[in-house]
């Protein structure tokens, strides 16, 4: 299991908007904003939910390919320009019960602009 730093966990706990990336059966990438997501208490997965989720392309993509990535980012400042964020890539599941959601199991975590993280 991938380990998150304290700075990454703290940042993810405060995040409001993320972008979920999936790949369709034909290899075409798809990225979409998501607002309903959370990191498990033990950091073993990230869960993404949404309205009418089972009918969404992102849900179908994960069901077909078993892979996804999510990025949570923002600007700490525009003067000077200071982007910060966390990207989580990994194996993913399209889970139908008790309500449709996607669960990503982190294989790789990359962060930037956070305490102790490299700046791009």
PDB file of N, CA and C in Angstrom:
ATOM      1  N   UNK A   1       0.842  -1.186   0.000  1.00  0.00           N
ATOM      2  CA  UNK A   1       0.000   0.000   0.000  1.00  0.00           C
ATOM      3  C   UNK A   1       0.884   1.246   0.000  1.00  0.00           C
ATOM      4  N   UNK A   2       0.502   2.229  -0.784  1.00  0.00           N
ATOM      5  CA  UNK A   2       1.217   3.498  -0.867  1.00  0.00           C
ATOM      6  C   UNK A   2       0.968   4.300   0.402  1.00  0.00           C
ATOM      7  N   UNK A   3       2.008   4.968   0.867  1.00  0.00           N
ATOM      8  CA  UNK A   3       1.907   5.765   2.082  1.00  0.00           C
ATOM      9  C   UNK A   3       1.764   7.237   1.717  1.00  0.00           C
ATOM     10  N   UNK A   4       0.871   7.923   2.409  1.00  0.00           N
ATOM     11  CA  UNK A   4       0.684   9.356   2.240  1.00  0.00           C
ATOM     12  C   UNK A   4       1.446  10.085   3.338  1.00  0.00           C
ATOM     13  N   UNK A   5       2.046  11.225   3.001  1.00  0.00           N
ATOM     14  CA  UNK A   5       2.680  12.050   4.026  1.00  0.00           C
ATOM     15  C   UNK A   5       1.580  12.753   4.825  1.00  0.00           C
ATOM     16  N   UNK A   6       1.949  13.270   5.976  1.00  0.00           N
ATOM     17  CA  UNK A   6       0.987  14.038   6.783  1.00  0.00           C
ATOM     18  C   UNK A   6       0.486  15.255   6.009  1.00  0.00           C
ATOM     19  N   UNK A   7       1.389  15.908   5.257  1.00  0.00           N
ATOM     20  CA  UNK A   7       0.997  17.090   4.477  1.00  0.00           C
ATOM     21  C   UNK A   7      -0.001  16.707   3.385  1.00  0.00           C
ATOM     22  N   UNK A   8       0.200  15.564   2.737  1.00  0.00           N
ATOM     23  CA  UNK A   8      -0.734  15.113   1.700  1.00  0.00           C
ATOM     24  C   UNK A   8      -2.098  14.789   2.297  1.00  0.00           C
ATOM     25  N   UNK A   9      -2.118  14.079   3.410  1.00  0.00           N
ATOM     26  CA  UNK A   9      -3.398  13.729   4.056  1.00  0.00           C
ATOM     27  C   UNK A   9      -4.147  14.988   4.495  1.00  0.00           C
ATOM     28  N   UNK A  10      -3.417  15.929   5.082  1.00  0.00           N
ATOM     29  CA  UNK A  10      -4.044  17.175   5.524  1.00  0.00           C
ATOM     30  C   UNK A  10      -4.622  17.931   4.332  1.00  0.00           C
ATOM     31  N   UNK A  11      -3.870  18.012   3.255  1.00  0.00           N
ATOM     32  CA  UNK A  11      -4.334  18.704   2.056  1.00  0.00           C
ATOM     33  C   UNK A  11      -5.573  18.020   1.476  1.00  0.00           C
ATOM     34  N   UNK A  12      -5.552  16.702   1.376  1.00  0.00           N
ATOM     35  CA  UNK A  12      -6.694  15.960   0.837  1.00  0.00           C
ATOM     36  C   UNK A  12      -7.932  16.118   1.717  1.00  0.00           C
ATOM     37  N   UNK A  13      -7.746  16.213   3.016  1.00  0.00           N
ATOM     38  CA  UNK A  13      -8.875  16.405   3.929  1.00  0.00           C
ATOM     39  C   UNK A  13      -9.572  17.743   3.693  1.00  0.00           C
ATOM     40  N   UNK A  14      -8.832  18.729   3.171  1.00  0.00           N
ATOM     41  CA  UNK A  14      -9.399  20.068   2.950  1.00  0.00           C
ATOM     42  C   UNK A  14      -9.866  20.305   1.525  1.00  0.00           C
ATOM     43  N   UNK A  15      -9.546  19.392   0.600  1.00  0.00           N
ATOM     44  CA  UNK A  15      -9.882  19.587  -0.809  1.00  0.00           C
ATOM     45  C   UNK A  15     -11.374  19.618  -1.075  1.00  0.00           C
ATOM     46  N   UNK A  16     -11.774  20.439  -2.024  1.00  0.00           N
ATOM     47  CA  UNK A  16     -13.193  20.573  -2.368  1.00  0.00           C
ATOM     48  C   UNK A  16     -13.525  20.031  -3.744  1.00  0.00           C
ATOM     49  N   UNK A  17     -12.632  20.235  -4.687  1.00  0.00           N
ATOM     50  CA  UNK A  17     -12.887  19.828  -6.066  1.00  0.00           C
ATOM     51  C   UNK A  17     -11.701  19.016  -6.560  1.00  0.00           C
ATOM     52  N   UNK A  18     -12.007  17.965  -7.288  1.00  0.00           N
ATOM     53  CA  UNK A  18     -10.957  17.108  -7.846  1.00  0.00           C
ATOM     54  C   UNK A  18     -11.287  16.832  -9.305  1.00  0.00           C
ATOM     55  N   UNK A  19     -10.348  16.203  -9.999  1.00  0.00           N
ATOM     56  CA  UNK A  19     -10.574  15.770 -11.371  1.00  0.00           C
ATOM     57  C   UNK A  19     -10.270  14.286 -11.430  1.00  0.00           C
ATOM     58  N   UNK A  20     -11.214  13.541 -11.983  1.00  0.00           N
ATOM     59  CA  UNK A  20     -11.077  12.101 -12.110  1.00  0.00           C
ATOM     60  C   UNK A  20     -10.734  11.760 -13.558  1.00  0.00           C
ATOM     61  N   UNK A  21      -9.673  10.992 -13.750  1.00  0.00           N
ATOM     62  CA  UNK A  21      -9.255  10.567 -15.082  1.00  0.00           C
ATOM     63  C   UNK A  21      -9.480   9.068 -15.224  1.00  0.00           C
ATOM     64  N   UNK A  22     -10.098   8.704 -16.354  1.00  0.00           N
ATOM     65  CA  UNK A  22     -10.320   7.304 -16.686  1.00  0.00           C
ATOM     66  C   UNK A  22      -9.947   7.094 -18.152  1.00  0.00           C
ATOM     67  N   UNK A  23      -9.962   5.841 -18.566  1.00  0.00           N
ATOM     68  CA  UNK A  23      -9.680   5.504 -19.961  1.00  0.00           C
ATOM     69  C   UNK A  23     -10.778   4.576 -20.448  1.00  0.00           C
ATOM     70  N   UNK A  24     -11.349   4.907 -21.608  1.00  0.00           N
ATOM     71  CA  UNK A  24     -12.405   4.081 -22.186  1.00  0.00           C
ATOM     72  C   UNK A  24     -11.866   2.790 -22.770  1.00  0.00           C
ATOM     73  N   UNK A  25     -12.757   1.904 -23.119  1.00  0.00           N
ATOM     74  CA  UNK A  25     -12.372   0.617 -23.703  1.00  0.00           C
ATOM     75  C   UNK A  25     -11.510   0.785 -24.953  1.00  0.00           C
ATOM     76  N   UNK A  26     -11.749   1.887 -25.692  1.00  0.00           N
ATOM     77  CA  UNK A  26     -10.984   2.119 -26.921  1.00  0.00           C
ATOM     78  C   UNK A  26      -9.683   2.876 -26.679  1.00  0.00           C
ATOM     79  N   UNK A  27      -9.345   3.130 -25.417  1.00  0.00           N
ATOM     80  CA  UNK A  27      -8.102   3.821 -25.082  1.00  0.00           C
ATOM     81  C   UNK A  27      -8.209   5.329 -25.023  1.00  0.00           C
ATOM     82  N   UNK A  28      -9.399   5.870 -25.249  1.00  0.00           N
ATOM     83  CA  UNK A  28      -9.591   7.314 -25.221  1.00  0.00           C
ATOM     84  C   UNK A  28      -9.634   7.805 -23.772  1.00  0.00           C
ATOM     85  N   UNK A  29      -8.799   8.799 -23.422  1.00  0.00           N
ATOM     86  CA  UNK A  29      -8.832   9.332 -22.058  1.00  0.00           C
ATOM     87  C   UNK A  29     -10.077  10.175 -21.822  1.00  0.00           C
ATOM     88  N   UNK A  30     -10.498  10.219 -20.572  1.00  0.00           N
ATOM     89  CA  UNK A  30     -11.657  11.011 -20.156  1.00  0.00           C
ATOM     90  C   UNK A  30     -11.319  11.621 -18.803  1.00  0.00           C
ATOM     91  N   UNK A  31     -11.559  12.909 -18.665  1.00  0.00           N
ATOM     92  CA  UNK A  31     -11.312  13.571 -17.388  1.00  0.00           C
ATOM     93  C   UNK A  31     -12.510  14.444 -17.064  1.00  0.00           C
ATOM     94  N   UNK A  32     -12.908  14.433 -15.803  1.00  0.00           N
ATOM     95  CA  UNK A  32     -14.091  15.175 -15.402  1.00  0.00           C
ATOM     96  C   UNK A  32     -13.943  15.659 -13.962  1.00  0.00           C
ATOM     97  N   UNK A  33     -14.482  16.844 -13.652  1.00  0.00           N
ATOM     98  CA  UNK A  33     -14.445  17.306 -12.265  1.00  0.00           C
ATOM     99  C   UNK A  33     -15.404  16.492 -11.401  1.00  0.00           C
ATOM    100  N   UNK A  34     -14.997  16.272 -10.161  1.00  0.00           N
ATOM    101  CA  UNK A  34     -15.841  15.582  -9.185  1.00  0.00           C
ATOM    102  C   UNK A  34     -15.756  16.335  -7.860  1.00  0.00           C
ATOM    103  N   UNK A  35     -16.855  16.387  -7.161  1.00  0.00           N
ATOM    104  CA  UNK A  35     -16.890  17.105  -5.890  1.00  0.00           C
ATOM    105  C   UNK A  35     -17.174  16.216  -4.696  1.00  0.00           C
ATOM    106  N   UNK A  36     -17.524  14.958  -4.943  1.00  0.00           N
ATOM    107  CA  UNK A  36     -17.842  14.047  -3.845  1.00  0.00           C
ATOM    108  C   UNK A  36     -16.800  12.934  -3.808  1.00  0.00           C
ATOM    109  N   UNK A  37     -15.805  13.093  -2.944  1.00  0.00           N
ATOM    110  CA  UNK A  37     -14.748  12.104  -2.830  1.00  0.00           C
ATOM    111  C   UNK A  37     -14.179  12.175  -1.424  1.00  0.00           C
ATOM    112  N   UNK A  38     -13.528  11.066  -1.009  1.00  0.00           N
ATOM    113  CA  UNK A  38     -12.891  11.064   0.305  1.00  0.00           C
ATOM    114  C   UNK A  38     -11.797  10.005   0.356  1.00  0.00           C
ATOM    115  N   UNK A  39     -10.814  10.267   1.185  1.00  0.00           N
ATOM    116  CA  UNK A  39      -9.732   9.340   1.449  1.00  0.00           C
ATOM    117  C   UNK A  39     -10.117   8.502   2.663  1.00  0.00           C
ATOM    118  N   UNK A  40      -9.961   7.183   2.573  1.00  0.00           N
ATOM    119  CA  UNK A  40     -10.268   6.302   3.699  1.00  0.00           C
ATOM    120  C   UNK A  40      -9.397   6.661   4.899  1.00  0.00           C
ATOM    121  N   UNK A  41      -9.888   6.405   6.089  1.00  0.00           N
ATOM    122  CA  UNK A  41      -9.147   6.711   7.316  1.00  0.00           C
ATOM    123  C   UNK A  41      -7.776   6.041   7.327  1.00  0.00           C
ATOM    124  N   UNK A  42      -7.684   4.835   6.766  1.00  0.00           N
ATOM    125  CA  UNK A  42      -6.392   4.139   6.723  1.00  0.00           C
ATOM    126  C   UNK A  42      -5.630   4.423   5.430  1.00  0.00           C
ATOM    127  N   UNK A  43      -6.150   5.311   4.598  1.00  0.00           N
ATOM    128  CA  UNK A  43      -5.537   5.751   3.333  1.00  0.00           C
ATOM    129  C   UNK A  43      -5.358   4.614   2.329  1.00  0.00           C
ATOM    130  N   UNK A  44      -6.136   3.558   2.446  1.00  0.00           N
ATOM    131  CA  UNK A  44      -5.998   2.428   1.528  1.00  0.00           C
ATOM    132  C   UNK A  44      -6.779   2.625   0.236  1.00  0.00           C
ATOM    133  N   UNK A  45      -7.673   3.617   0.200  1.00  0.00           N
ATOM    134  CA  UNK A  45      -8.432   3.897  -1.012  1.00  0.00           C
ATOM    135  C   UNK A  45      -8.981   5.306  -0.992  1.00  0.00           C
ATOM    136  N   UNK A  46      -9.342   5.760  -2.191  1.00  0.00           N
ATOM    137  CA  UNK A  46     -10.071   7.016  -2.375  1.00  0.00           C
ATOM    138  C   UNK A  46     -11.398   6.634  -3.003  1.00  0.00           C
ATOM    139  N   UNK A  47     -12.468   7.155  -2.451  1.00  0.00           N
ATOM    140  CA  UNK A  47     -13.808   6.831  -2.946  1.00  0.00           C
ATOM    141  C   UNK A  47     -14.408   8.056  -3.623  1.00  0.00           C
ATOM    142  N   UNK A  48     -15.016   7.844  -4.788  1.00  0.00           N
ATOM    143  CA  UNK A  48     -15.629   8.925  -5.552  1.00  0.00           C
ATOM    144  C   UNK A  48     -17.089   8.573  -5.781  1.00  0.00           C
ATOM    145  N   UNK A  49     -17.971   9.533  -5.518  1.00  0.00           N
ATOM    146  CA  UNK A  49     -19.409   9.340  -5.705  1.00  0.00           C
ATOM    147  C   UNK A  49     -19.948  10.497  -6.537  1.00  0.00           C
ATOM    148  N   UNK A  50     -21.194  10.379  -6.944  1.00  0.00           N
ATOM    149  CA  UNK A  50     -21.822  11.459  -7.677  1.00  0.00           C
ATOM    150  C   UNK A  50     -23.271  11.145  -8.007  1.00  0.00           C
ATOM    151  N   UNK A  51     -23.945  12.119  -8.558  1.00  0.00           N
ATOM    152  CA  UNK A  51     -25.350  11.956  -8.948  1.00  0.00           C
ATOM    153  C   UNK A  51     -25.442  11.093 -10.202  1.00  0.00           C
ATOM    154  N   UNK A  52     -26.413  10.189 -10.205  1.00  0.00           N
ATOM    155  CA  UNK A  52     -26.652   9.303 -11.352  1.00  0.00           C
ATOM    156  C   UNK A  52     -25.350   8.629 -11.791  1.00  0.00           C
ATOM    157  N   UNK A  53     -24.568   8.221 -10.816  1.00  0.00           N
ATOM    158  CA  UNK A  53     -23.195   7.770 -11.026  1.00  0.00           C
ATOM    159  C   UNK A  53     -23.095   6.506 -11.877  1.00  0.00           C
ATOM    160  N   UNK A  54     -23.976   5.542 -11.673  1.00  0.00           N
ATOM    161  CA  UNK A  54     -23.895   4.273 -12.406  1.00  0.00           C
ATOM    162  C   UNK A  54     -24.071   4.473 -13.913  1.00  0.00           C
ATOM    163  N   UNK A  55     -24.713   5.556 -14.309  1.00  0.00           N
ATOM    164  CA  UNK A  55     -24.935   5.828 -15.732  1.00  0.00           C
ATOM    165  C   UNK A  55     -23.815   6.663 -16.348  1.00  0.00           C
ATOM    166  N   UNK A  56     -22.810   7.011 -15.565  1.00  0.00           N
ATOM    167  CA  UNK A  56     -21.766   7.916 -16.051  1.00  0.00           C
ATOM    168  C   UNK A  56     -20.666   7.174 -16.823  1.00  0.00           C
ATOM    169  N   UNK A  57     -20.027   7.902 -17.718  1.00  0.00           N
ATOM    170  CA  UNK A  57     -18.904   7.354 -18.486  1.00  0.00           C
ATOM    171  C   UNK A  57     -17.773   6.951 -17.558  1.00  0.00           C
ATOM    172  N   UNK A  58     -17.489   7.750 -16.549  1.00  0.00           N
ATOM    173  CA  UNK A  58     -16.386   7.436 -15.636  1.00  0.00           C
ATOM    174  C   UNK A  58     -16.613   6.106 -14.926  1.00  0.00           C
ATOM    175  N   UNK A  59     -17.850   5.849 -14.523  1.00  0.00           N
ATOM    176  CA  UNK A  59     -18.183   4.586 -13.853  1.00  0.00           C
ATOM    177  C   UNK A  59     -18.022   3.417 -14.828  1.00  0.00           C
ATOM    178  N   UNK A  60     -18.526   3.582 -16.046  1.00  0.00           N
ATOM    179  CA  UNK A  60     -18.395   2.519 -17.063  1.00  0.00           C
ATOM    180  C   UNK A  60     -16.932   2.280 -17.430  1.00  0.00           C
ATOM    181  N   UNK A  61     -16.156   3.357 -17.542  1.00  0.00           N
ATOM    182  CA  UNK A  61     -14.736   3.215 -17.859  1.00  0.00           C
ATOM    183  C   UNK A  61     -14.010   2.394 -16.795  1.00  0.00           C
ATOM    184  N   UNK A  62     -14.244   2.705 -15.543  1.00  0.00           N
ATOM    185  CA  UNK A  62     -13.581   1.972 -14.457  1.00  0.00           C
ATOM    186  C   UNK A  62     -14.034   0.517 -14.441  1.00  0.00           C
ATOM    187  N   UNK A  63     -15.323   0.282 -14.664  1.00  0.00           N
ATOM    188  CA  UNK A  63     -15.819  -1.094 -14.715  1.00  0.00           C
ATOM    189  C   UNK A  63     -15.124  -1.882 -15.825  1.00  0.00           C
ATOM    190  N   UNK A  64     -14.820  -1.221 -16.937  1.00  0.00           N
ATOM    191  CA  UNK A  64     -14.209  -1.894 -18.085  1.00  0.00           C
ATOM    192  C   UNK A  64     -12.697  -2.051 -17.959  1.00  0.00           C
ATOM    193  N   UNK A  65     -12.012  -1.061 -17.370  1.00  0.00           N
ATOM    194  CA  UNK A  65     -10.549  -1.072 -17.393  1.00  0.00           C
ATOM    195  C   UNK A  65      -9.892  -1.330 -16.045  1.00  0.00           C
ATOM    196  N   UNK A  66     -10.583  -1.000 -14.955  1.00  0.00           N
ATOM    197  CA  UNK A  66     -10.006  -1.208 -13.628  1.00  0.00           C
ATOM    198  C   UNK A  66      -8.876  -0.266 -13.272  1.00  0.00           C
ATOM    199  N   UNK A  67      -8.807   0.890 -13.927  1.00  0.00           N
ATOM    200  CA  UNK A  67      -7.762   1.883 -13.639  1.00  0.00           C
ATOM    201  C   UNK A  67      -8.369   3.274 -13.585  1.00  0.00           C
ATOM    202  N   UNK A  68      -7.783   4.150 -12.758  1.00  0.00           N
ATOM    203  CA  UNK A  68      -8.221   5.543 -12.688  1.00  0.00           C
ATOM    204  C   UNK A  68      -7.160   6.360 -11.956  1.00  0.00           C
ATOM    205  N   UNK A  69      -7.292   7.664 -12.069  1.00  0.00           N
ATOM    206  CA  UNK A  69      -6.440   8.596 -11.332  1.00  0.00           C
ATOM    207  C   UNK A  69      -7.297   9.770 -10.906  1.00  0.00           C
ATOM    208  N   UNK A  70      -6.927  10.379  -9.799  1.00  0.00           N
ATOM    209  CA  UNK A  70      -7.632  11.560  -9.317  1.00  0.00           C
ATOM    210  C   UNK A  70      -6.583  12.603  -8.934  1.00  0.00           C
ATOM    211  N   UNK A  71      -6.878  13.859  -9.253  1.00  0.00           N
ATOM    212  CA  UNK A  71      -6.011  14.981  -8.889  1.00  0.00           C
ATOM    213  C   UNK A  71      -6.832  15.969  -8.082  1.00  0.00           C
ATOM    214  N   UNK A  72      -6.291  16.355  -6.941  1.00  0.00           N
ATOM    215  CA  UNK A  72      -6.860  17.426  -6.121  1.00  0.00           C
ATOM    216  C   UNK A  72      -5.810  18.520  -6.132  1.00  0.00           C
ATOM    217  N   UNK A  73      -6.182  19.720  -6.593  1.00  0.00           N
ATOM    218  CA  UNK A  73      -5.197  20.783  -6.682  1.00  0.00           C
ATOM    219  C   UNK A  73      -5.835  22.150  -6.517  1.00  0.00           C
ATOM    220  N   UNK A  74      -4.995  23.151  -6.332  1.00  0.00           N
ATOM    221  CA  UNK A  74      -5.435  24.536  -6.240  1.00  0.00           C
ATOM    222  C   UNK A  74      -4.203  25.435  -6.321  1.00  0.00           C
ATOM    223  N   UNK A  75      -4.416  26.707  -6.145  1.00  0.00           N
ATOM    224  CA  UNK A  75      -3.314  27.664  -6.090  1.00  0.00           C
ATOM    225  C   UNK A  75      -3.192  28.183  -4.666  1.00  0.00           C
ATOM    226  N   UNK A  76      -2.018  28.025  -4.083  1.00  0.00           N
ATOM    227  CA  UNK A  76      -1.774  28.606  -2.769  1.00  0.00           C
ATOM    228  C   UNK A  76      -1.656  30.118  -2.908  1.00  0.00           C
ATOM    229  N   UNK A  77      -1.192  30.561  -4.088  1.00  0.00           N
ATOM    230  CA  UNK A  77      -0.998  31.980  -4.340  1.00  0.00           C
ATOM    231  C   UNK A  77      -0.842  32.193  -5.838  1.00  0.00           C
ATOM    232  N   UNK A  78      -1.255  33.344  -6.315  1.00  0.00           N
ATOM    233  CA  UNK A  78      -1.008  33.680  -7.725  1.00  0.00           C
ATOM    234  C   UNK A  78       0.154  34.655  -7.864  1.00  0.00           C
ATOM    235  N   UNK A  79       0.585  35.253  -6.771  1.00  0.00           N
ATOM    236  CA  UNK A  79       1.706  36.193  -6.818  1.00  0.00           C
ATOM    237  C   UNK A  79       2.574  36.016  -5.574  1.00  0.00           C
ATOM    238  N   UNK A  80       3.567  35.183  -5.613  1.00  0.00           N
ATOM    239  CA  UNK A  80       4.053  34.443  -6.768  1.00  0.00           C
ATOM    240  C   UNK A  80       3.163  33.229  -7.062  1.00  0.00           C
ATOM    241  N   UNK A  81       3.261  32.739  -8.288  1.00  0.00           N
ATOM    242  CA  UNK A  81       2.499  31.581  -8.742  1.00  0.00           C
ATOM    243  C   UNK A  81       2.949  30.370  -7.925  1.00  0.00           C
ATOM    244  N   UNK A  82       2.011  29.761  -7.172  1.00  0.00           N
ATOM    245  CA  UNK A  82       2.359  28.608  -6.339  1.00  0.00           C
ATOM    246  C   UNK A  82       1.274  27.534  -6.412  1.00  0.00           C
ATOM    247  N   UNK A  83       1.294  26.701  -7.443  1.00  0.00           N
ATOM    248  CA  UNK A  83       0.335  25.604  -7.507  1.00  0.00           C
ATOM    249  C   UNK A  83       0.685  24.539  -6.474  1.00  0.00           C
ATOM    250  N   UNK A  84      -0.331  23.821  -6.020  1.00  0.00           N
ATOM    251  CA  UNK A  84      -0.110  22.707  -5.101  1.00  0.00           C
ATOM    252  C   UNK A  84      -1.171  21.653  -5.365  1.00  0.00           C
ATOM    253  N   UNK A  85      -0.854  20.427  -5.075  1.00  0.00           N
ATOM    254  CA  UNK A  85      -1.825  19.385  -5.317  1.00  0.00           C
ATOM    255  C   UNK A  85      -1.297  17.996  -5.029  1.00  0.00           C
ATOM    256  N   UNK A  86      -2.209  17.029  -5.183  1.00  0.00           N
ATOM    257  CA  UNK A  86      -1.901  15.619  -4.987  1.00  0.00           C
ATOM    258  C   UNK A  86      -2.557  14.839  -6.124  1.00  0.00           C
ATOM    259  N   UNK A  87      -1.790  13.972  -6.756  1.00  0.00           N
ATOM    260  CA  UNK A  87      -2.303  13.064  -7.774  1.00  0.00           C
ATOM    261  C   UNK A  87      -2.210  11.644  -7.226  1.00  0.00           C
ATOM    262  N   UNK A  88      -3.281  10.883  -7.392  1.00  0.00           N
ATOM    263  CA  UNK A  88      -3.336   9.497  -6.927  1.00  0.00           C
ATOM    264  C   UNK A  88      -3.706   8.627  -8.111  1.00  0.00           C
ATOM    265  N   UNK A  89      -2.843   7.660  -8.435  1.00  0.00           N
ATOM    266  CA  UNK A  89      -3.094   6.726  -9.536  1.00  0.00           C
ATOM    267  C   UNK A  89      -3.208   5.320  -8.968  1.00  0.00           C
ATOM    268  N   UNK A  90      -4.047   4.491  -9.611  1.00  0.00           N
ATOM    269  CA  UNK A  90      -4.078   3.114  -9.153  1.00  0.00           C
ATOM    270  C   UNK A  90      -5.156   2.254  -9.756  1.00  0.00           C
ATOM    271  N   UNK A  91      -5.205   1.038  -9.238  1.00  0.00           N
ATOM    272  CA  UNK A  91      -6.267   0.104  -9.606  1.00  0.00           C
ATOM    273  C   UNK A  91      -7.571   0.672  -9.074  1.00  0.00           C
ATOM    274  N   UNK A  92      -8.647   0.482  -9.837  1.00  0.00           N
ATOM    275  CA  UNK A  92      -9.933   1.063  -9.439  1.00  0.00           C
ATOM    276  C   UNK A  92     -11.047   0.040  -9.602  1.00  0.00           C
ATOM    277  N   UNK A  93     -12.080   0.218  -8.794  1.00  0.00           N
ATOM    278  CA  UNK A  93     -13.259  -0.642  -8.859  1.00  0.00           C
ATOM    279  C   UNK A  93     -14.496   0.210  -9.054  1.00  0.00           C
ATOM    280  N   UNK A  94     -15.431  -0.285  -9.842  1.00  0.00           N
ATOM    281  CA  UNK A  94     -16.761   0.303  -9.947  1.00  0.00           C
ATOM    282  C   UNK A  94     -17.660  -0.542  -9.041  1.00  0.00           C
ATOM    283  N   UNK A  95     -18.062   0.025  -7.925  1.00  0.00           N
ATOM    284  CA  UNK A  95     -18.816  -0.701  -6.898  1.00  0.00           C
ATOM    285  C   UNK A  95     -20.276  -0.256  -6.960  1.00  0.00           C
ATOM    286  N   UNK A  96     -21.184  -1.207  -6.953  1.00  0.00           N
ATOM    287  CA  UNK A  96     -22.605  -0.869  -7.115  1.00  0.00           C
ATOM    288  C   UNK A  96     -23.372  -0.771  -5.798  1.00  0.00           C
ATOM    289  N   UNK A  97     -22.931  -1.409  -4.741  1.00  0.00           N
ATOM    290  CA  UNK A  97     -23.675  -1.424  -3.478  1.00  0.00           C
ATOM    291  C   UNK A  97     -22.880  -0.779  -2.360  1.00  0.00           C
ATOM    292  N   UNK A  98     -23.486  -0.063  -1.438  1.00  0.00           N
ATOM    293  CA  UNK A  98     -24.923   0.180  -1.322  1.00  0.00           C
ATOM    294  C   UNK A  98     -25.436   1.228  -2.302  1.00  0.00           C
ATOM    295  N   UNK A  99     -24.521   2.019  -2.856  1.00  0.00           N
ATOM    296  CA  UNK A  99     -24.860   2.928  -3.954  1.00  0.00           C
ATOM    297  C   UNK A  99     -23.644   2.998  -4.860  1.00  0.00           C
ATOM    298  N   UNK A 100     -23.815   3.283  -6.140  1.00  0.00           N
ATOM    299  CA  UNK A 100     -22.689   3.264  -7.068  1.00  0.00           C
ATOM    300  C   UNK A 100     -21.587   4.255  -6.680  1.00  0.00           C
ATOM    301  N   UNK A 101     -20.356   3.765  -6.704  1.00  0.00           N
ATOM    302  CA  UNK A 101     -19.195   4.608  -6.460  1.00  0.00           C
ATOM    303  C   UNK A 101     -17.964   3.946  -7.060  1.00  0.00           C
ATOM    304  N   UNK A 102     -16.899   4.721  -7.150  1.00  0.00           N
ATOM    305  CA  UNK A 102     -15.606   4.243  -7.633  1.00  0.00           C
ATOM    306  C   UNK A 102     -14.652   4.267  -6.456  1.00  0.00           C
ATOM    307  N   UNK A 103     -13.838   3.246  -6.371  1.00  0.00           N
ATOM    308  CA  UNK A 103     -12.811   3.188  -5.327  1.00  0.00           C
ATOM    309  C   UNK A 103     -11.464   2.991  -6.020  1.00  0.00           C
ATOM    310  N   UNK A 104     -10.532   3.919  -5.776  1.00  0.00           N
ATOM    311  CA  UNK A 104      -9.178   3.826  -6.309  1.00  0.00           C
ATOM    312  C   UNK A 104      -8.254   3.366  -5.189  1.00  0.00           C
ATOM    313  N   UNK A 105      -7.469   2.332  -5.465  1.00  0.00           N
ATOM    314  CA  UNK A 105      -6.468   1.822  -4.526  1.00  0.00           C
ATOM    315  C   UNK A 105      -5.112   2.352  -4.993  1.00  0.00           C
ATOM    316  N   UNK A 106      -4.514   3.289  -4.241  1.00  0.00           N
ATOM    317  CA  UNK A 106      -3.313   3.988  -4.716  1.00  0.00           C
ATOM    318  C   UNK A 106      -2.128   3.064  -4.991  1.00  0.00           C
ATOM    319  N   UNK A 107      -1.582   3.183  -6.206  1.00  0.00           N
ATOM    320  CA  UNK A 107      -0.312   2.560  -6.569  1.00  0.00           C
ATOM    321  C   UNK A 107       0.787   3.613  -6.525  1.00  0.00           C
ATOM    322  N   UNK A 108       0.396   4.845  -6.839  1.00  0.00           N
ATOM    323  CA  UNK A 108       1.371   5.933  -6.896  1.00  0.00           C
ATOM    324  C   UNK A 108       0.719   7.227  -6.437  1.00  0.00           C
ATOM    325  N   UNK A 109       1.424   7.963  -5.591  1.00  0.00           N
ATOM    326  CA  UNK A 109       0.967   9.265  -5.105  1.00  0.00           C
ATOM    327  C   UNK A 109       2.069  10.270  -5.407  1.00  0.00           C
ATOM    328  N   UNK A 110       1.680  11.357  -6.076  1.00  0.00           N
ATOM    329  CA  UNK A 110       2.615  12.421  -6.421  1.00  0.00           C
ATOM    330  C   UNK A 110       2.028  13.719  -5.881  1.00  0.00           C
ATOM    331  N   UNK A 111       2.843  14.509  -5.194  1.00  0.00           N
ATOM    332  CA  UNK A 111       2.344  15.797  -4.703  1.00  0.00           C
ATOM    333  C   UNK A 111       3.336  16.893  -5.052  1.00  0.00           C
ATOM    334  N   UNK A 112       2.831  18.121  -5.077  1.00  0.00           N
ATOM    335  CA  UNK A 112       3.666  19.280  -5.387  1.00  0.00           C
ATOM    336  C   UNK A 112       3.137  20.484  -4.629  1.00  0.00           C
ATOM    337  N   UNK A 113       4.072  21.370  -4.255  1.00  0.00           N
ATOM    338  CA  UNK A 113       3.714  22.616  -3.602  1.00  0.00           C
ATOM    339  C   UNK A 113       3.267  22.472  -2.159  1.00  0.00           C
ATOM    340  N   UNK A 114       3.288  21.280  -1.615  1.00  0.00           N
ATOM    341  CA  UNK A 114       2.928  21.061  -0.215  1.00  0.00           C
ATOM    342  C   UNK A 114       4.196  21.070   0.634  1.00  0.00           C
ATOM    343  N   UNK A 115       4.031  21.173   1.918  1.00  0.00           N
ATOM    344  CA  UNK A 115       5.160  21.120   2.832  1.00  0.00           C
ATOM    345  C   UNK A 115       5.968  19.840   2.562  1.00  0.00           C
ATOM    346  N   UNK A 116       7.229  20.001   2.247  1.00  0.00           N
ATOM    347  CA  UNK A 116       8.101  18.860   2.012  1.00  0.00           C
ATOM    348  C   UNK A 116       7.992  18.229   0.637  1.00  0.00           C
ATOM    349  N   UNK A 117       7.145  18.784  -0.248  1.00  0.00           N
ATOM    350  CA  UNK A 117       6.984  18.220  -1.597  1.00  0.00           C
ATOM    351  C   UNK A 117       7.746  19.094  -2.597  1.00  0.00           C
ATOM    352  N   UNK A 118       8.232  18.488  -3.669  1.00  0.00           N
ATOM    353  CA  UNK A 118       8.935  19.293  -4.680  1.00  0.00           C
ATOM    354  C   UNK A 118       7.987  20.259  -5.380  1.00  0.00           C
ATOM    355  N   UNK A 119       8.494  21.388  -5.817  1.00  0.00           N
ATOM    356  CA  UNK A 119       7.715  22.348  -6.586  1.00  0.00           C
ATOM    357  C   UNK A 119       8.045  22.184  -8.058  1.00  0.00           C
ATOM    358  N   UNK A 120       6.995  22.096  -8.923  1.00  0.00           N
ATOM    359  CA  UNK A 120       7.272  21.894 -10.354  1.00  0.00           C
ATOM    360  C   UNK A 120       8.022  23.055 -10.961  1.00  0.00           C
TER     361      UNK A 120
END
